[in-house]
Amino acid sequence: MNNQLNMLMQLISLGQNPNQVIAQMAKQNPQANAILNQVQQSGMTPKEYAIQYARQNNIDITPLLNMLNNKGIKL
């Protein structure tokens, strides 16, 4: 998961649209697609789900959240 997170951060830092990047990842990676489905079924916002998922899996998403905030992108 950390490799995917790093890839996502790199693409966003290069100016890629986060929604397009995530949609492309979901097409290419069944695991990413399963997570997107879980988000939709959870009833949580994507941000709430990401924070919960990261906490449960010991993943620090603070750098990603900071980068998104700095670019004015709201999760």
Protein backbone atom coordinates (compact mmCIF):
# COMPACT_ATOMS: atom_id res chain seq x y z
CA MET A 1 0.00 0.00 0.00
CA ASN A 2 2.85 2.41 0.72
CA ASN A 3 4.10 2.10 -2.87
CA GLN A 4 0.66 3.02 -4.15
CA LEU A 5 0.48 5.93 -1.73
CA ASN A 6 3.87 7.18 -2.90
CA MET A 7 2.80 6.84 -6.54
CA LEU A 8 -0.42 8.73 -5.84
CA MET A 9 1.47 11.53 -4.10
CA GLN A 10 3.98 11.76 -6.95
CA LEU A 11 1.28 11.96 -9.64
CA ILE A 12 -0.66 14.60 -7.70
CA SER A 13 2.51 16.64 -7.10
CA LEU A 14 3.07 16.62 -10.87
CA GLY A 15 -0.32 18.24 -11.34
CA GLN A 16 -2.41 15.18 -12.12
CA ASN A 17 -6.10 15.33 -11.17
CA PRO A 18 -6.48 13.19 -7.99
CA ASN A 19 -9.87 11.84 -9.09
CA GLN A 20 -8.47 10.74 -12.44
CA VAL A 21 -5.41 9.18 -10.78
CA ILE A 22 -7.59 7.23 -8.35
CA ALA A 23 -9.95 6.09 -11.11
CA GLN A 24 -7.00 4.89 -13.19
CA MET A 25 -5.53 3.04 -10.19
CA ALA A 26 -8.89 1.34 -9.62
CA LYS A 27 -8.96 0.17 -13.24
CA GLN A 28 -5.46 -1.26 -13.03
CA ASN A 29 -5.49 -2.66 -9.50
CA PRO A 30 -8.27 -4.90 -8.18
CA GLN A 31 -7.24 -4.11 -4.60
CA ALA A 32 -7.66 -0.36 -5.18
CA ASN A 33 -11.03 -1.02 -6.82
CA ALA A 34 -12.13 -3.10 -3.81
CA ILE A 35 -11.16 -0.26 -1.46
CA LEU A 36 -13.17 2.24 -3.51
CA ASN A 37 -16.18 -0.07 -3.30
CA GLN A 38 -15.71 -0.35 0.47
CA VAL A 39 -15.64 3.45 0.77
CA GLN A 40 -18.93 3.72 -1.09
CA GLN A 41 -20.54 1.01 1.05
CA SER A 42 -19.20 2.35 4.36
CA GLY A 43 -21.31 5.49 4.39
CA MET A 44 -18.21 7.48 5.38
CA THR A 45 -16.63 10.31 3.45
CA PRO A 46 -13.50 9.33 1.53
CA LYS A 47 -11.42 11.29 4.05
CA GLU A 48 -12.99 9.54 7.06
CA TYR A 49 -12.51 6.15 5.43
CA ALA A 50 -8.89 6.91 4.46
CA ILE A 51 -8.03 8.02 7.99
CA GLN A 52 -9.68 4.95 9.51
CA TYR A 53 -8.06 2.57 6.99
CA ALA A 54 -4.64 4.14 7.51
CA ARG A 55 -4.98 3.97 11.29
CA GLN A 56 -6.00 0.28 11.17
CA ASN A 57 -3.10 -0.57 8.86
CA ASN A 58 -0.43 1.60 10.51
CA ILE A 59 -0.02 3.84 7.47
CA ASP A 60 0.91 7.49 7.95
CA ILE A 61 -1.15 9.49 5.44
CA THR A 62 -0.32 12.84 7.00
CA PRO A 63 2.10 13.75 4.17
CA LEU A 64 -0.61 13.02 1.59
CA LEU A 65 -3.24 15.02 3.47
CA ASN A 66 -0.82 17.94 3.89
CA MET A 67 0.08 17.89 0.20
CA LEU A 68 -3.59 17.85 -0.81
CA ASN A 69 -4.36 20.73 1.58
CA ASN A 70 -1.42 22.74 0.24
CA LYS A 71 -2.75 22.30 -3.29
CA GLY A 72 -6.25 23.31 -2.16
CA ILE A 73 -7.65 19.82 -2.78
CA LYS A 74 -10.26 18.65 -0.31
CA LEU A 75 -10.73 14.93 0.20
